[in-house]
């Protein structure tokens, strides 16, 4: 498990190079708040099996940031996430949750054990922050 600062650094990679990104509460990155942003970063506390989280956003791509594993058995009312960054893993939603990256010392199996619904992973699974400069 990684500290909150490392989780936010990883989440900031989602908006690197974008001209505009909407920043959710608690995000410490150098981006202007833009209502027409293509990507929104949002702090989430509950995420369901259908990809919905307890946040609202009209951005085309919503990336959730959770400082704990926020999984619940039923979808909350809110925006559908494209990606979720947690202290244990980075997950993508494409009809189901897929583990894309894992934190040092964490396996996809351990992430699954903390989740009440099935997760997928595959040969493209990489170590945490593999893309960070």
Protein backbone atom coordinates (compact mmCIF):
# COMPACT_ATOMS: atom_id res chain seq x y z
CA UNK A 1 0.00 0.00 0.00
CA UNK A 2 1.29 3.44 -0.93
CA UNK A 3 0.87 6.76 0.90
CA UNK A 4 -1.65 9.34 -0.33
CA UNK A 5 1.09 11.51 -1.90
CA UNK A 6 2.14 8.62 -4.18
CA UNK A 7 -1.50 7.95 -5.11
CA UNK A 8 -1.98 11.61 -6.12
CA UNK A 9 1.30 11.60 -8.10
CA UNK A 10 0.07 8.55 -10.03
CA UNK A 11 -3.33 10.17 -10.60
CA UNK A 12 -1.62 13.31 -11.93
CA UNK A 13 -0.16 11.20 -14.75
CA UNK A 14 -3.72 10.85 -16.08
CA UNK A 15 -3.79 14.55 -16.94
CA UNK A 16 -0.15 15.06 -17.93
CA UNK A 17 0.06 16.87 -21.23
CA UNK A 18 -3.60 17.87 -21.33
CA UNK A 19 -4.48 21.51 -21.87
CA UNK A 20 -7.37 21.26 -19.44
CA UNK A 21 -8.42 18.91 -16.72
CA UNK A 22 -11.00 19.28 -13.99
CA UNK A 23 -9.48 18.75 -10.57
CA UNK A 24 -11.47 17.23 -7.73
CA UNK A 25 -11.13 18.07 -4.04
CA UNK A 26 -7.71 17.55 -2.52
CA UNK A 27 -5.76 17.26 -5.78
CA UNK A 28 -2.43 19.07 -5.65
CA UNK A 29 -1.42 19.42 -9.31
CA UNK A 30 -0.76 22.48 -11.43
CA UNK A 31 -3.83 22.58 -13.71
CA UNK A 32 -6.52 25.23 -14.09
CA UNK A 33 -10.09 24.34 -13.17
CA UNK A 34 -11.93 24.07 -16.50
CA UNK A 35 -15.63 23.24 -16.79
CA UNK A 36 -15.15 21.94 -20.35
CA UNK A 37 -12.29 19.60 -19.44
CA UNK A 38 -11.87 16.28 -21.24
CA UNK A 39 -10.78 14.51 -18.03
CA UNK A 40 -11.95 14.94 -14.45
CA UNK A 41 -10.00 13.68 -11.44
CA UNK A 42 -12.33 13.04 -8.53
CA UNK A 43 -11.81 11.84 -4.97
CA UNK A 44 -14.15 8.87 -4.47
CA UNK A 45 -15.14 6.87 -1.41
CA UNK A 46 -17.50 4.28 -2.95
CA UNK A 47 -17.21 2.42 -6.28
CA UNK A 48 -19.51 -0.35 -7.50
CA UNK A 49 -19.16 -3.32 -9.84
CA UNK A 50 -20.75 -1.40 -12.73
CA UNK A 51 -18.09 1.32 -12.63
CA UNK A 52 -20.17 4.01 -10.96
CA UNK A 53 -18.82 6.07 -8.07
CA UNK A 54 -20.15 8.50 -5.50
CA UNK A 55 -19.18 11.58 -7.53
CA UNK A 56 -20.87 13.61 -10.22
CA UNK A 57 -19.15 14.81 -13.37
CA UNK A 58 -20.09 15.55 -16.93
CA UNK A 59 -16.52 15.17 -18.23
CA UNK A 60 -16.14 12.54 -20.99
CA UNK A 61 -13.49 10.68 -18.94
CA UNK A 62 -13.62 10.49 -15.14
CA UNK A 63 -10.66 9.14 -13.19
CA UNK A 64 -11.42 8.29 -9.58
CA UNK A 65 -8.85 8.61 -6.84
CA UNK A 66 -9.42 6.60 -3.66
CA UNK A 67 -7.20 6.61 -0.59
CA UNK A 68 -8.69 3.27 0.50
CA UNK A 69 -10.23 0.44 -1.49
CA UNK A 70 -13.72 1.84 -2.01
CA UNK A 71 -15.55 -1.17 -3.43
CA UNK A 72 -19.20 -1.77 -2.54
CA UNK A 73 -21.54 -4.48 -3.83
CA UNK A 74 -24.02 -2.13 -5.56
CA UNK A 75 -23.29 0.87 -7.77
CA UNK A 76 -23.70 4.24 -6.08
CA UNK A 77 -25.57 6.95 -7.98
CA UNK A 78 -22.93 8.98 -9.77
CA UNK A 79 -20.47 9.19 -12.61
CA UNK A 80 -19.07 6.13 -14.36
CA UNK A 81 -15.31 5.96 -13.91
CA UNK A 82 -12.92 5.14 -16.73
CA UNK A 83 -10.06 4.49 -14.31
CA UNK A 84 -9.55 4.20 -10.57
CA UNK A 85 -6.27 4.95 -8.77
CA UNK A 86 -5.92 3.46 -5.26
CA UNK A 87 -3.00 2.83 -2.88
CA UNK A 88 -2.96 -0.83 -4.01
CA UNK A 89 -3.64 -0.69 -7.75
CA UNK A 90 -4.78 1.19 -10.83
CA UNK A 91 -7.91 -0.29 -12.39
CA UNK A 92 -9.68 0.40 -15.69
CA UNK A 93 -13.41 -0.01 -16.29
CA UNK A 94 -14.44 -1.38 -19.69
CA UNK A 95 -17.62 -3.30 -18.93
CA UNK A 96 -15.89 -4.74 -15.85
CA UNK A 97 -12.97 -3.78 -13.63
CA UNK A 98 -9.49 -4.73 -14.84
CA UNK A 99 -6.33 -4.44 -12.72
CA UNK A 100 -3.78 -2.51 -14.85
CA UNK A 101 -1.01 -1.65 -12.37
CA UNK A 102 -0.16 -2.87 -8.89
CA UNK A 103 1.77 -1.14 -6.11
CA UNK A 104 5.15 -2.53 -5.04
CA UNK A 105 4.69 -5.68 -2.98
CA UNK A 106 1.03 -6.05 -4.02
CA UNK A 107 -0.36 -8.69 -6.36
CA UNK A 108 -3.53 -8.62 -8.43
CA UNK A 109 -4.71 -11.52 -6.26
CA UNK A 110 -4.39 -9.37 -3.14
CA UNK A 111 -6.43 -6.61 -4.78
CA UNK A 112 -9.10 -9.19 -5.70
CA UNK A 113 -9.21 -10.46 -2.12
CA UNK A 114 -10.14 -6.93 -0.99
CA UNK A 115 -12.93 -6.58 -3.57
CA UNK A 116 -16.48 -8.02 -3.23
CA UNK A 117 -16.89 -8.59 -7.00
CA UNK A 118 -14.72 -10.15 -9.74
CA UNK A 119 -11.75 -8.25 -11.15
CA UNK A 120 -9.82 -9.14 -14.28
CA UNK A 121 -6.09 -8.90 -14.97
CA UNK A 122 -3.90 -10.06 -17.79
CA UNK A 123 -0.44 -10.17 -19.31
CA UNK A 124 -0.37 -6.37 -19.69
CA UNK A 125 -0.38 -5.91 -15.88
CA UNK A 126 2.58 -3.71 -14.88
CA UNK A 127 4.21 -2.50 -11.69
CA UNK A 128 3.07 0.71 -10.04
CA UNK A 129 4.25 4.00 -11.45
CA UNK A 130 5.97 2.26 -14.33
CA UNK A 131 5.24 5.29 -16.50
CA UNK A 132 6.43 7.93 -14.04
CA UNK A 133 9.56 9.81 -15.23
